[in-house]
Amino acid sequence: MARRNHLDDFTRRRMIGKLEEGRTITSVAAEFGFNKSVVSRAWKAFQITCTAVRKVGSGHPRTTTAGDDRYIILQAERGQ
């Protein structure tokens, strides 16, 4: 299975800057050693959001904390 790592903000900004200069996605991908799809997705996200920084914590918010989860499991084990 492929390993997925997020780009750090510094590298993402450098890639976006080169694309804004008019370079092609292929040449930027070759320079940074990334796949073309990685550069393309970063560029597309930049065009939509107008920022090169990833939004941290974008996902469905948790409804229970880790402590609540442990308590629920403990109660379920006691009931059986």
C-alpha atoms as a PDB file:
ATOM      1  CA  MET A   1       0.000   0.000   0.000  1.00  0.00           C
ATOM      2  CA  ALA A   2       1.226   3.485  -0.772  1.00  0.00           C
ATOM      3  CA  ARG A   3       2.502   5.603   2.083  1.00  0.00           C
ATOM      4  CA  ARG A   4       0.874   9.024   2.329  1.00  0.00           C
ATOM      5  CA  ASN A   5       2.598  11.951   3.979  1.00  0.00           C
ATOM      6  CA  HIS A   6       1.392  15.514   4.002  1.00  0.00           C
ATOM      7  CA  LEU A   7       3.573  18.160   2.417  1.00  0.00           C
ATOM      8  CA  ASP A   8       5.045  20.617   4.846  1.00  0.00           C
ATOM      9  CA  ASP A   9       3.893  24.203   4.379  1.00  0.00           C
ATOM     10  CA  PHE A  10       7.323  25.453   3.284  1.00  0.00           C
ATOM     11  CA  THR A  11       7.560  22.989   0.397  1.00  0.00           C
ATOM     12  CA  ARG A  12       3.946  23.598  -0.588  1.00  0.00           C
ATOM     13  CA  ARG A  13       4.564  27.379  -0.740  1.00  0.00           C
ATOM     14  CA  ARG A  14       7.694  26.879  -2.842  1.00  0.00           C
ATOM     15  CA  MET A  15       5.790  24.678  -5.312  1.00  0.00           C
ATOM     16  CA  ILE A  16       2.920  27.170  -5.555  1.00  0.00           C
ATOM     17  CA  GLY A  17       5.388  30.007  -6.110  1.00  0.00           C
ATOM     18  CA  LYS A  18       7.024  28.200  -9.009  1.00  0.00           C
ATOM     19  CA  LEU A  19       3.634  27.454 -10.552  1.00  0.00           C
ATOM     20  CA  GLU A  20       2.635  31.121 -10.194  1.00  0.00           C
ATOM     21  CA  GLU A  21       5.818  32.036 -12.078  1.00  0.00           C
ATOM     22  CA  GLY A  22       4.413  30.117 -15.022  1.00  0.00           C
ATOM     23  CA  ARG A  23       6.286  26.835 -14.755  1.00  0.00           C
ATOM     24  CA  THR A  24       4.514  23.623 -15.699  1.00  0.00           C
ATOM     25  CA  ILE A  25       3.263  21.070 -13.213  1.00  0.00           C
ATOM     26  CA  THR A  26       5.542  18.469 -14.794  1.00  0.00           C
ATOM     27  CA  SER A  27       8.689  20.557 -14.354  1.00  0.00           C
ATOM     28  CA  VAL A  28       7.829  21.466 -10.750  1.00  0.00           C
ATOM     29  CA  ALA A  29       7.104  17.812  -9.932  1.00  0.00           C
ATOM     30  CA  ALA A  30      10.438  16.757 -11.427  1.00  0.00           C
ATOM     31  CA  GLU A  31      12.336  19.435  -9.486  1.00  0.00           C
ATOM     32  CA  PHE A  32      10.832  18.490  -6.126  1.00  0.00           C
ATOM     33  CA  GLY A  33      10.773  14.753  -6.794  1.00  0.00           C
ATOM     34  CA  PHE A  34       7.020  14.395  -6.337  1.00  0.00           C
ATOM     35  CA  ASN A  35       4.411  12.766  -8.503  1.00  0.00           C
ATOM     36  CA  LYS A  36       2.556  15.094 -10.880  1.00  0.00           C
ATOM     37  CA  SER A  37      -0.715  14.342  -9.106  1.00  0.00           C
ATOM     38  CA  VAL A  38       0.670  15.666  -5.796  1.00  0.00           C
ATOM     39  CA  VAL A  39       1.632  18.979  -7.373  1.00  0.00           C
ATOM     40  CA  SER A  40      -1.629  19.153  -9.300  1.00  0.00           C
ATOM     41  CA  ARG A  41      -3.735  18.607  -6.167  1.00  0.00           C
ATOM     42  CA  ALA A  42      -1.766  21.217  -4.233  1.00  0.00           C
ATOM     43  CA  TRP A  43      -2.189  23.705  -7.094  1.00  0.00           C
ATOM     44  CA  LYS A  44      -5.915  23.005  -7.389  1.00  0.00           C
ATOM     45  CA  ALA A  45      -6.386  23.422  -3.631  1.00  0.00           C
ATOM     46  CA  PHE A  46      -4.481  26.707  -3.759  1.00  0.00           C
ATOM     47  CA  GLN A  47      -6.685  28.021  -6.571  1.00  0.00           C
ATOM     48  CA  ILE A  48      -9.842  27.176  -4.617  1.00  0.00           C
ATOM     49  CA  THR A  49      -8.782  28.398  -1.159  1.00  0.00           C
ATOM     50  CA  CYS A  50      -6.272  31.115  -2.170  1.00  0.00           C
ATOM     51  CA  THR A  51      -3.880  29.875   0.514  1.00  0.00           C
ATOM     52  CA  ALA A  52      -1.038  27.378   0.427  1.00  0.00           C
ATOM     53  CA  VAL A  53      -1.421  26.367   4.089  1.00  0.00           C
ATOM     54  CA  ARG A  54      -3.359  23.226   4.947  1.00  0.00           C
ATOM     55  CA  LYS A  55      -6.312  23.594   7.249  1.00  0.00           C
ATOM     56  CA  VAL A  56      -5.448  21.712  10.428  1.00  0.00           C
ATOM     57  CA  GLY A  57      -8.071  19.494  11.990  1.00  0.00           C
ATOM     58  CA  SER A  58     -10.428  19.399   9.068  1.00  0.00           C
ATOM     59  CA  GLY A  59     -12.558  16.389   9.723  1.00  0.00           C
ATOM     60  CA  HIS A  60     -15.618  15.294  11.569  1.00  0.00           C
ATOM     61  CA  PRO A  61     -15.308  16.515  15.173  1.00  0.00           C
ATOM     62  CA  ARG A  62     -15.250  13.877  17.890  1.00  0.00           C
ATOM     63  CA  THR A  63     -18.357  13.597  20.017  1.00  0.00           C
ATOM     64  CA  THR A  64     -16.662  11.691  22.856  1.00  0.00           C
ATOM     65  CA  THR A  65     -13.248  12.138  24.376  1.00  0.00           C
ATOM     66  CA  ALA A  66     -10.741   9.328  24.844  1.00  0.00           C
ATOM     67  CA  GLY A  67     -11.670   9.243  28.542  1.00  0.00           C
ATOM     68  CA  ASP A  68     -15.362   8.902  27.688  1.00  0.00           C
ATOM     69  CA  ASP A  69     -14.518   6.009  25.365  1.00  0.00           C
ATOM     70  CA  ARG A  70     -12.632   4.194  28.130  1.00  0.00           C
ATOM     71  CA  TYR A  71     -15.543   4.714  30.528  1.00  0.00           C
ATOM     72  CA  ILE A  72     -18.068   3.380  27.993  1.00  0.00           C
ATOM     73  CA  ILE A  73     -15.933   0.286  27.400  1.00  0.00           C
ATOM     74  CA  LEU A  74     -15.557  -0.277  31.147  1.00  0.00           C
ATOM     75  CA  GLN A  75     -19.325  -0.016  31.680  1.00  0.00           C
ATOM     76  CA  ALA A  76     -19.987  -2.426  28.805  1.00  0.00           C
ATOM     77  CA  GLU A  77     -17.536  -4.983  30.258  1.00  0.00           C
ATOM     78  CA  ARG A  78     -19.167  -4.760  33.700  1.00  0.00           C
ATOM     79  CA  GLY A  79     -22.601  -5.312  32.213  1.00  0.00           C
ATOM     80  CA  GLN A  80     -21.628  -8.591  30.557  1.00  0.00           C
END
